[in-house]
């Protein structure tokens, strides 16, 4: 347990490996998440049971890019560590911009169907589908 406290200050993958994988909260949240106004067909977040994830940005008709990573839930936050070097895309890559390696989204609310998270003062509402 002392090791887990030390590792909380380190990167998310180290924490995931040393502290036993997904938290109980995270295990309830696995699935594919969509924002219907952006895409009904392509999930913006794929949160897997093994702690891996794929995060996508979709700009309809212009660009879709995907970045793999690892995820977990700690306290009231969805934590995501991305690997920007492994980005894949379709479309105009010149509009990709900076991809952060760490993302923390405060969980505003969650139920079996909806997940609301807040980032930089903006609340995003995702709809979950288990496919």
N, C-alpha and C. Protein backbone atom coordinates (compact mmCIF):
# COMPACT_ATOMS: atom_id res chain seq x y z
N UNK A 1 0.82 -1.20 0.00
CA UNK A 1 0.00 0.00 0.00
C UNK A 1 0.87 1.26 0.00
N UNK A 2 1.97 1.23 0.76
CA UNK A 2 2.88 2.37 0.78
C UNK A 2 3.42 2.65 -0.62
N UNK A 3 3.69 1.58 -1.39
CA UNK A 3 4.17 1.74 -2.76
C UNK A 3 3.16 2.48 -3.61
N UNK A 4 1.88 2.15 -3.46
CA UNK A 4 0.84 2.82 -4.24
C UNK A 4 0.80 4.32 -3.96
N UNK A 5 0.98 4.73 -2.70
CA UNK A 5 0.98 6.15 -2.36
C UNK A 5 2.14 6.86 -3.04
N UNK A 6 3.29 6.24 -3.08
CA UNK A 6 4.44 6.83 -3.75
C UNK A 6 4.19 6.95 -5.24
N UNK A 7 3.59 5.91 -5.80
CA UNK A 7 3.38 5.88 -7.25
C UNK A 7 2.31 6.85 -7.72
N UNK A 8 1.44 7.32 -6.81
CA UNK A 8 0.42 8.29 -7.21
C UNK A 8 1.05 9.55 -7.78
N UNK A 9 2.26 9.86 -7.38
CA UNK A 9 2.93 11.04 -7.90
C UNK A 9 3.65 10.76 -9.22
N UNK A 10 3.68 9.50 -9.64
CA UNK A 10 4.33 9.13 -10.89
C UNK A 10 3.31 9.05 -12.00
N UNK A 11 3.71 8.53 -13.14
CA UNK A 11 2.82 8.47 -14.28
C UNK A 11 1.71 7.45 -14.10
N UNK A 12 0.62 7.63 -14.81
CA UNK A 12 -0.53 6.75 -14.74
C UNK A 12 -0.21 5.31 -15.08
N UNK A 13 0.57 4.98 -16.11
CA UNK A 13 0.84 3.57 -16.39
C UNK A 13 1.55 2.86 -15.25
N UNK A 14 2.48 3.55 -14.60
CA UNK A 14 3.17 2.94 -13.48
C UNK A 14 2.17 2.67 -12.36
N UNK A 15 1.29 3.63 -12.09
CA UNK A 15 0.27 3.47 -11.06
C UNK A 15 -0.65 2.30 -11.39
N UNK A 16 -1.06 2.20 -12.65
CA UNK A 16 -1.95 1.12 -13.06
C UNK A 16 -1.30 -0.24 -12.85
N UNK A 17 -0.05 -0.36 -13.24
CA UNK A 17 0.63 -1.65 -13.14
C UNK A 17 0.88 -2.05 -11.70
N UNK A 18 1.28 -1.11 -10.88
CA UNK A 18 1.67 -1.44 -9.51
C UNK A 18 0.49 -1.57 -8.56
N UNK A 19 -0.59 -0.89 -8.83
CA UNK A 19 -1.70 -0.84 -7.88
C UNK A 19 -2.87 -1.72 -8.31
N UNK A 20 -2.71 -2.58 -9.26
CA UNK A 20 -3.73 -3.57 -9.55
C UNK A 20 -4.73 -3.23 -10.63
N UNK A 21 -4.43 -2.33 -11.53
CA UNK A 21 -5.33 -2.08 -12.66
C UNK A 21 -6.37 -1.02 -12.36
N UNK A 22 -7.53 -1.18 -13.00
CA UNK A 22 -8.58 -0.18 -12.91
C UNK A 22 -9.20 -0.12 -11.52
N UNK A 23 -9.57 1.10 -11.13
CA UNK A 23 -10.29 1.29 -9.88
C UNK A 23 -11.70 0.71 -10.02
N UNK A 24 -12.39 0.53 -8.91
CA UNK A 24 -13.76 0.03 -8.96
C UNK A 24 -14.66 0.95 -9.77
N UNK A 25 -14.47 2.27 -9.62
CA UNK A 25 -15.26 3.24 -10.38
C UNK A 25 -15.01 3.09 -11.88
N UNK A 26 -13.74 2.91 -12.25
CA UNK A 26 -13.39 2.78 -13.66
C UNK A 26 -13.99 1.52 -14.26
N UNK A 27 -13.98 0.42 -13.52
CA UNK A 27 -14.53 -0.84 -14.04
C UNK A 27 -15.99 -0.70 -14.45
N UNK A 28 -16.73 0.17 -13.78
CA UNK A 28 -18.14 0.40 -14.11
C UNK A 28 -18.29 1.24 -15.37
N UNK A 29 -17.24 1.94 -15.76
CA UNK A 29 -17.33 2.91 -16.85
C UNK A 29 -16.80 2.42 -18.19
N UNK A 30 -16.37 1.17 -18.28
CA UNK A 30 -15.82 0.70 -19.55
C UNK A 30 -16.89 0.78 -20.65
N UNK A 31 -16.44 1.03 -21.86
CA UNK A 31 -17.36 1.10 -23.00
C UNK A 31 -16.91 2.13 -24.00
N UNK A 32 -17.75 2.32 -25.00
CA UNK A 32 -17.48 3.30 -26.06
C UNK A 32 -18.37 4.52 -25.83
N UNK A 33 -17.77 5.69 -25.92
CA UNK A 33 -18.47 6.94 -25.62
C UNK A 33 -18.52 7.84 -26.85
N UNK A 34 -19.71 8.38 -27.09
CA UNK A 34 -20.00 9.22 -28.25
C UNK A 34 -20.54 10.56 -27.81
N UNK A 35 -20.30 11.58 -28.59
CA UNK A 35 -21.03 12.84 -28.49
C UNK A 35 -21.83 12.91 -29.79
N UNK A 36 -23.13 12.64 -29.72
CA UNK A 36 -23.94 12.51 -30.95
C UNK A 36 -23.86 13.71 -31.88
N UNK A 37 -23.69 14.91 -31.34
CA UNK A 37 -23.59 16.11 -32.19
C UNK A 37 -22.32 16.10 -33.03
N UNK A 38 -21.32 15.33 -32.60
CA UNK A 38 -20.06 15.25 -33.34
C UNK A 38 -20.02 14.01 -34.22
N UNK A 39 -20.38 12.84 -33.64
CA UNK A 39 -20.35 11.61 -34.41
C UNK A 39 -21.24 10.55 -33.76
N UNK A 40 -22.13 10.00 -34.54
CA UNK A 40 -22.96 8.87 -34.10
C UNK A 40 -22.28 7.55 -34.43
N UNK A 41 -21.31 7.57 -35.35
CA UNK A 41 -20.70 6.35 -35.85
C UNK A 41 -19.33 6.04 -35.26
N UNK A 42 -18.60 7.06 -34.86
CA UNK A 42 -17.24 6.88 -34.37
C UNK A 42 -17.17 7.28 -32.90
N UNK A 43 -16.79 6.35 -32.02
CA UNK A 43 -16.68 6.73 -30.61
C UNK A 43 -15.52 7.69 -30.38
N UNK A 44 -15.74 8.68 -29.53
CA UNK A 44 -14.68 9.63 -29.21
C UNK A 44 -13.76 9.09 -28.12
N UNK A 45 -14.31 8.18 -27.29
CA UNK A 45 -13.50 7.53 -26.27
C UNK A 45 -13.86 6.05 -26.25
N UNK A 46 -12.85 5.20 -26.32
CA UNK A 46 -13.02 3.77 -26.10
C UNK A 46 -12.25 3.45 -24.82
N UNK A 47 -12.98 3.12 -23.77
CA UNK A 47 -12.36 2.83 -22.48
C UNK A 47 -12.48 1.33 -22.23
N UNK A 48 -11.37 0.62 -22.31
CA UNK A 48 -11.36 -0.84 -22.24
C UNK A 48 -11.14 -1.36 -20.82
N UNK A 49 -11.59 -2.60 -20.60
CA UNK A 49 -11.48 -3.26 -19.30
C UNK A 49 -10.04 -3.49 -18.88
N UNK A 50 -9.13 -3.58 -19.85
CA UNK A 50 -7.72 -3.83 -19.52
C UNK A 50 -6.94 -2.55 -19.21
N UNK A 51 -7.63 -1.41 -19.17
CA UNK A 51 -6.98 -0.14 -18.87
C UNK A 51 -6.46 0.59 -20.08
N UNK A 52 -6.57 -0.02 -21.26
CA UNK A 52 -6.16 0.68 -22.47
C UNK A 52 -7.33 1.54 -22.97
N UNK A 53 -7.02 2.51 -23.80
CA UNK A 53 -8.06 3.37 -24.35
C UNK A 53 -7.62 3.90 -25.71
N UNK A 54 -8.61 4.40 -26.44
CA UNK A 54 -8.35 5.14 -27.67
C UNK A 54 -9.20 6.41 -27.57
N UNK A 55 -8.55 7.55 -27.74
CA UNK A 55 -9.23 8.83 -27.71
C UNK A 55 -9.19 9.40 -29.13
N UNK A 56 -10.35 9.88 -29.58
CA UNK A 56 -10.44 10.40 -30.95
C UNK A 56 -10.90 11.86 -30.95
N UNK A 57 -10.45 12.55 -31.96
CA UNK A 57 -10.97 13.87 -32.28
C UNK A 57 -11.58 13.75 -33.67
N UNK A 58 -12.80 14.22 -33.81
CA UNK A 58 -13.50 14.14 -35.08
C UNK A 58 -13.92 15.54 -35.49
N UNK A 59 -13.47 15.94 -36.66
CA UNK A 59 -13.91 17.19 -37.28
C UNK A 59 -14.56 16.75 -38.58
N UNK A 60 -15.90 16.55 -38.56
CA UNK A 60 -16.59 15.96 -39.71
C UNK A 60 -16.20 16.59 -41.05
N UNK A 61 -15.85 15.71 -41.98
CA UNK A 61 -15.49 16.15 -43.32
C UNK A 61 -14.08 16.70 -43.45
N UNK A 62 -13.35 16.82 -42.34
CA UNK A 62 -12.02 17.41 -42.37
C UNK A 62 -10.97 16.43 -41.86
N UNK A 63 -11.18 15.90 -40.64
CA UNK A 63 -10.14 15.11 -39.99
C UNK A 63 -10.74 14.22 -38.90
N UNK A 64 -10.23 13.01 -38.81
CA UNK A 64 -10.47 12.15 -37.66
C UNK A 64 -9.12 11.59 -37.26
N UNK A 65 -8.76 11.78 -35.98
CA UNK A 65 -7.51 11.17 -35.53
C UNK A 65 -7.73 10.41 -34.23
N UNK A 66 -6.90 9.39 -34.03
CA UNK A 66 -6.99 8.50 -32.88
C UNK A 66 -5.65 8.44 -32.18
N UNK A 67 -5.70 8.42 -30.85
CA UNK A 67 -4.49 8.32 -30.05
C UNK A 67 -4.71 7.24 -28.99
N UNK A 68 -3.83 6.23 -28.94
CA UNK A 68 -3.96 5.18 -27.92
C UNK A 68 -3.39 5.65 -26.58
N UNK A 69 -3.82 4.98 -25.53
CA UNK A 69 -3.30 5.33 -24.22
C UNK A 69 -3.78 4.38 -23.14
N UNK A 70 -3.68 4.85 -21.92
CA UNK A 70 -4.15 4.12 -20.74
C UNK A 70 -5.04 5.05 -19.95
N UNK A 71 -5.97 4.48 -19.18
CA UNK A 71 -6.91 5.30 -18.44
C UNK A 71 -7.23 4.68 -17.09
N UNK A 72 -7.80 5.50 -16.22
CA UNK A 72 -8.30 5.05 -14.93
C UNK A 72 -9.14 6.17 -14.34
N UNK A 73 -9.82 5.88 -13.25
CA UNK A 73 -10.56 6.88 -12.50
C UNK A 73 -9.95 6.94 -11.11
N UNK A 74 -9.60 8.14 -10.70
CA UNK A 74 -9.05 8.36 -9.37
C UNK A 74 -9.85 9.49 -8.74
N UNK A 75 -10.44 9.20 -7.61
CA UNK A 75 -11.33 10.13 -6.91
C UNK A 75 -12.42 10.59 -7.88
N UNK A 76 -12.47 11.86 -8.22
CA UNK A 76 -13.55 12.37 -9.08
C UNK A 76 -13.06 12.69 -10.50
N UNK A 77 -11.95 12.06 -10.91
CA UNK A 77 -11.38 12.42 -12.21
C UNK A 77 -11.11 11.22 -13.10
N UNK A 78 -11.38 11.41 -14.38
CA UNK A 78 -10.99 10.46 -15.42
C UNK A 78 -9.59 10.86 -15.85
N UNK A 79 -8.63 9.97 -15.63
CA UNK A 79 -7.23 10.24 -15.96
C UNK A 79 -6.84 9.45 -17.19
N UNK A 80 -6.23 10.12 -18.15
CA UNK A 80 -5.85 9.48 -19.40
C UNK A 80 -4.41 9.85 -19.72
N UNK A 81 -3.59 8.84 -19.98
CA UNK A 81 -2.23 9.08 -20.46
C UNK A 81 -2.17 8.61 -21.91
N UNK A 82 -1.87 9.54 -22.81
CA UNK A 82 -1.85 9.25 -24.24
C UNK A 82 -0.43 9.08 -24.75
N UNK A 83 -0.32 8.40 -25.89
CA UNK A 83 0.97 8.25 -26.57
C UNK A 83 0.88 8.98 -27.91
N UNK A 84 1.12 10.31 -27.92
CA UNK A 84 0.97 11.10 -29.14
C UNK A 84 1.81 10.60 -30.31
N UNK A 85 2.90 9.88 -30.04
CA UNK A 85 3.75 9.36 -31.12
C UNK A 85 3.02 8.29 -31.93
N UNK A 86 1.95 7.73 -31.39
CA UNK A 86 1.22 6.67 -32.09
C UNK A 86 -0.10 7.15 -32.69
N UNK A 87 -0.22 8.46 -32.91
CA UNK A 87 -1.44 9.00 -33.51
C UNK A 87 -1.64 8.45 -34.92
N UNK A 88 -2.87 8.12 -35.26
CA UNK A 88 -3.24 7.76 -36.63
C UNK A 88 -4.34 8.72 -37.06
N UNK A 89 -4.42 9.00 -38.35
CA UNK A 89 -5.41 9.98 -38.80
C UNK A 89 -5.89 9.68 -40.21
N UNK A 90 -7.07 10.26 -40.50
CA UNK A 90 -7.63 10.29 -41.84
C UNK A 90 -8.04 11.72 -42.10
N UNK A 91 -7.54 12.31 -43.18
CA UNK A 91 -7.90 13.68 -43.50
C UNK A 91 -6.71 14.60 -43.42
N UNK A 92 -7.00 15.87 -43.19
CA UNK A 92 -6.00 16.93 -43.20
C UNK A 92 -5.24 16.98 -41.88
N UNK A 93 -4.06 16.40 -41.84
CA UNK A 93 -3.28 16.32 -40.60
C UNK A 93 -2.72 17.67 -40.16
N UNK A 94 -2.76 18.68 -41.01
CA UNK A 94 -2.21 19.98 -40.64
C UNK A 94 -3.05 20.68 -39.57
N UNK A 95 -4.27 20.20 -39.32
CA UNK A 95 -5.12 20.82 -38.30
C UNK A 95 -5.11 20.06 -36.97
N UNK A 96 -4.21 19.07 -36.83
CA UNK A 96 -4.19 18.28 -35.60
C UNK A 96 -3.80 19.13 -34.39
N UNK A 97 -2.75 19.88 -34.45
CA UNK A 97 -2.34 20.68 -33.30
C UNK A 97 -1.65 19.83 -32.24
N UNK A 98 -1.52 20.39 -31.04
CA UNK A 98 -0.82 19.73 -29.93
C UNK A 98 -1.70 18.65 -29.31
N UNK A 99 -1.13 17.46 -29.12
CA UNK A 99 -1.82 16.37 -28.43
C UNK A 99 -1.13 16.19 -27.08
N UNK A 100 -1.86 16.44 -25.98
CA UNK A 100 -1.23 16.30 -24.66
C UNK A 100 -0.96 14.85 -24.31
N UNK A 101 0.05 14.60 -23.51
CA UNK A 101 0.33 13.23 -23.09
C UNK A 101 -0.49 12.85 -21.86
N UNK A 102 -0.95 13.83 -21.09
CA UNK A 102 -1.79 13.57 -19.92
C UNK A 102 -3.05 14.43 -19.99
N UNK A 103 -4.19 13.80 -19.68
CA UNK A 103 -5.46 14.51 -19.63
C UNK A 103 -6.15 14.12 -18.32
N UNK A 104 -6.69 15.11 -17.65
CA UNK A 104 -7.50 14.87 -16.47
C UNK A 104 -8.84 15.57 -16.68
N UNK A 105 -9.91 14.80 -16.60
CA UNK A 105 -11.25 15.35 -16.78
C UNK A 105 -12.03 15.09 -15.50
N UNK A 106 -12.55 16.15 -14.89
CA UNK A 106 -13.35 15.99 -13.68
C UNK A 106 -14.70 15.39 -14.05
N UNK A 107 -15.08 14.33 -13.34
CA UNK A 107 -16.37 13.68 -13.61
C UNK A 107 -17.46 14.48 -12.90
N UNK A 108 -18.37 15.04 -13.70
CA UNK A 108 -19.49 15.82 -13.18
C UNK A 108 -20.61 14.87 -12.78
N UNK A 109 -20.93 13.93 -13.67
CA UNK A 109 -21.95 12.92 -13.36
C UNK A 109 -21.73 11.71 -14.25
N UNK A 110 -22.25 10.58 -13.75
CA UNK A 110 -22.12 9.33 -14.50
C UNK A 110 -23.29 8.42 -14.13
N UNK A 111 -23.85 7.78 -15.16
CA UNK A 111 -24.78 6.68 -14.95
C UNK A 111 -24.52 5.66 -16.06
N UNK A 112 -25.31 4.64 -16.16
CA UNK A 112 -25.07 3.56 -17.13
C UNK A 112 -25.02 4.06 -18.59
N UNK A 113 -25.64 5.19 -18.86
CA UNK A 113 -25.77 5.66 -20.25
C UNK A 113 -24.97 6.94 -20.52
N UNK A 114 -24.89 7.83 -19.56
CA UNK A 114 -24.29 9.14 -19.78
C UNK A 114 -23.10 9.39 -18.86
N UNK A 115 -22.11 10.08 -19.42
CA UNK A 115 -20.95 10.53 -18.68
C UNK A 115 -20.75 12.00 -19.00
N UNK A 116 -20.75 12.83 -17.95
CA UNK A 116 -20.45 14.24 -18.13
C UNK A 116 -19.12 14.52 -17.45
N UNK A 117 -18.21 15.14 -18.21
CA UNK A 117 -16.90 15.50 -17.68
C UNK A 117 -16.64 16.98 -17.94
N UNK A 118 -15.85 17.57 -17.06
CA UNK A 118 -15.52 18.99 -17.20
C UNK A 118 -14.04 19.13 -17.47
N UNK A 119 -13.71 19.89 -18.50
CA UNK A 119 -12.34 20.20 -18.86
C UNK A 119 -12.26 21.69 -19.14
N UNK A 120 -11.38 22.37 -18.45
CA UNK A 120 -11.18 23.81 -18.65
C UNK A 120 -12.48 24.60 -18.58
N UNK A 121 -13.36 24.23 -17.65
CA UNK A 121 -14.61 24.95 -17.45
C UNK A 121 -15.73 24.59 -18.40
N UNK A 122 -15.49 23.66 -19.32
CA UNK A 122 -16.51 23.25 -20.28
C UNK A 122 -16.96 21.84 -19.92
N UNK A 123 -18.29 21.61 -19.87
CA UNK A 123 -18.83 20.29 -19.57
C UNK A 123 -19.18 19.60 -20.88
N UNK A 124 -18.65 18.39 -21.05
CA UNK A 124 -18.91 17.57 -22.23
C UNK A 124 -19.79 16.41 -21.82
N UNK A 125 -20.82 16.15 -22.61
CA UNK A 125 -21.76 15.07 -22.32
C UNK A 125 -21.59 13.94 -23.33
N UNK A 126 -21.14 12.79 -22.83
CA UNK A 126 -20.91 11.60 -23.66
C UNK A 126 -22.03 10.59 -23.42
N UNK A 127 -22.37 9.85 -24.46
CA UNK A 127 -23.34 8.77 -24.36
C UNK A 127 -22.61 7.45 -24.56
N UNK A 128 -22.84 6.51 -23.65
CA UNK A 128 -22.12 5.24 -23.70
C UNK A 128 -22.92 4.18 -24.44
N UNK A 129 -22.16 3.42 -25.24
CA UNK A 129 -22.70 2.22 -25.89
C UNK A 129 -21.71 1.10 -25.66
N UNK A 130 -22.18 -0.02 -25.19
CA UNK A 130 -21.32 -1.20 -25.04
C UNK A 130 -21.56 -2.07 -26.26
N UNK A 131 -20.55 -2.16 -27.09
CA UNK A 131 -20.71 -2.89 -28.36
C UNK A 131 -19.88 -4.14 -28.38
